[in-house]
Structures are given as structure tokens and as C-alpha cells.
């Protein structure tokens, strides 16, 4: 993903894996204040699947994001 993505562009979007598994919604983002680079998506309304995969952290590294449109699509391989 080469184009700049702003945090407000992903807030509230549903997060799903490439395989179609739902993780929850983007509740917040963390970013590097000096560069504005998005670092992590923090899930809200997370599914049991997400809790089992991610544990109590419920954070998805932005490097695992494959695409952003109507949904935020993530690669499960990049989460574990």
C-alpha cells in the first residue's frame, strides 16, 4: 500500500481477513507522531475468532493490512 492512509479513513470500518473471517471493527489507531505513519489498528467489538487469534491485545499491525475499501482486509499470515 503506497498511498497515504489517514486514521480517520479507517475508523469504524469492519476488519476481515483475506479468507473472509470477521475480526471486528476499527476502534482506534496508533501512529508515529513524527511521521504520521499508521502503526496498529485497535479492534472494537471484536469477534471470538479475533480474541482467540490475537489474545487480549486486539491490535493488528498495519503491515498486515492488505487493502482498505468498504472493509479493512488483513492477512492472517502476517498476524501470527
Protein backbone atom coordinates (compact mmCIF):
# COMPACT_ATOMS: atom_id res chain seq x y z
CA UNK A 1 0.00 0.00 0.00
CA UNK A 2 1.81 3.05 -1.26
CA UNK A 3 -0.74 5.82 -0.88
CA UNK A 4 -1.15 7.66 2.40
CA UNK A 5 -3.97 6.41 4.60
CA UNK A 6 -5.29 8.62 7.36
CA UNK A 7 -6.56 7.18 10.63
CA UNK A 8 -9.97 8.77 10.21
CA UNK A 9 -10.33 6.90 6.89
CA UNK A 10 -10.31 3.53 8.65
CA UNK A 11 -12.15 4.32 11.89
CA UNK A 12 -15.34 2.28 12.27
CA UNK A 13 -14.65 0.01 9.27
CA UNK A 14 -15.16 -3.72 9.61
CA UNK A 15 -11.94 -5.75 9.67
CA UNK A 16 -11.94 -9.09 7.83
CA UNK A 17 -9.23 -11.49 6.76
CA UNK A 18 -8.46 -12.39 3.15
CA UNK A 19 -10.19 -15.69 3.96
CA UNK A 20 -13.38 -13.85 4.93
CA UNK A 21 -13.16 -14.21 8.72
CA UNK A 22 -14.53 -11.22 10.61
CA UNK A 23 -12.33 -9.68 13.31
CA UNK A 24 -14.43 -6.73 14.46
CA UNK A 25 -14.32 -3.01 13.79
CA UNK A 26 -11.51 -0.46 13.87
CA UNK A 27 -11.99 1.30 17.19
CA UNK A 28 -8.76 3.28 17.21
CA UNK A 29 -5.36 3.53 15.54
CA UNK A 30 -1.86 4.12 16.81
CA UNK A 31 0.59 6.12 14.75
CA UNK A 32 4.06 7.61 14.84
CA UNK A 33 3.51 11.30 15.66
CA UNK A 34 6.73 12.39 13.96
CA UNK A 35 5.88 10.79 10.59
CA UNK A 36 2.12 10.24 10.76
CA UNK A 37 2.68 6.61 9.78
CA UNK A 38 -0.08 4.26 10.96
CA UNK A 39 1.36 1.53 13.19
CA UNK A 40 -1.57 -0.53 14.51
CA UNK A 41 -5.32 -0.89 14.28
CA UNK A 42 -7.04 -1.43 17.62
CA UNK A 43 -10.16 -3.54 17.39
CA UNK A 44 -13.52 -2.75 18.93
CA UNK A 45 -16.48 -5.12 19.00
CA UNK A 46 -14.01 -7.93 18.34
CA UNK A 47 -15.22 -11.40 17.46
CA UNK A 48 -14.32 -14.52 19.41
CA UNK A 49 -12.15 -15.57 16.46
CA UNK A 50 -10.08 -12.37 16.79
CA UNK A 51 -9.75 -12.86 20.54
CA UNK A 52 -8.55 -16.44 20.05
CA UNK A 53 -6.01 -15.39 17.40
CA UNK A 54 -4.76 -12.12 18.91
CA UNK A 55 -5.22 -12.70 22.64
CA UNK A 56 -6.01 -9.79 24.90
CA UNK A 57 -4.09 -7.20 22.86
CA UNK A 58 -6.59 -6.97 19.98
CA UNK A 59 -4.10 -4.94 17.95
CA UNK A 60 -3.36 -5.55 14.29
CA UNK A 61 -0.06 -4.29 12.89
CA UNK A 62 -0.68 -2.00 9.93
CA UNK A 63 1.82 -4.10 7.97
CA UNK A 64 -0.82 -6.88 7.93
CA UNK A 65 -3.35 -4.66 6.13
CA UNK A 66 -3.78 -5.78 2.52
CA UNK A 67 -6.37 -3.25 1.37
CA UNK A 68 -8.83 -0.66 2.58
CA UNK A 69 -12.18 -0.04 0.92
CA UNK A 70 -15.59 -0.77 2.34
CA UNK A 71 -13.72 -3.17 4.65
CA UNK A 72 -10.20 -3.33 6.04
CA UNK A 73 -8.75 -6.58 4.73
CA UNK A 74 -5.86 -8.15 6.63
CA UNK A 75 -3.55 -11.07 6.03
CA UNK A 76 -3.80 -13.66 8.80
CA UNK A 77 -0.33 -14.99 7.95
CA UNK A 78 1.11 -11.61 8.96
CA UNK A 79 -0.63 -11.70 12.37
CA UNK A 80 0.96 -14.84 13.79
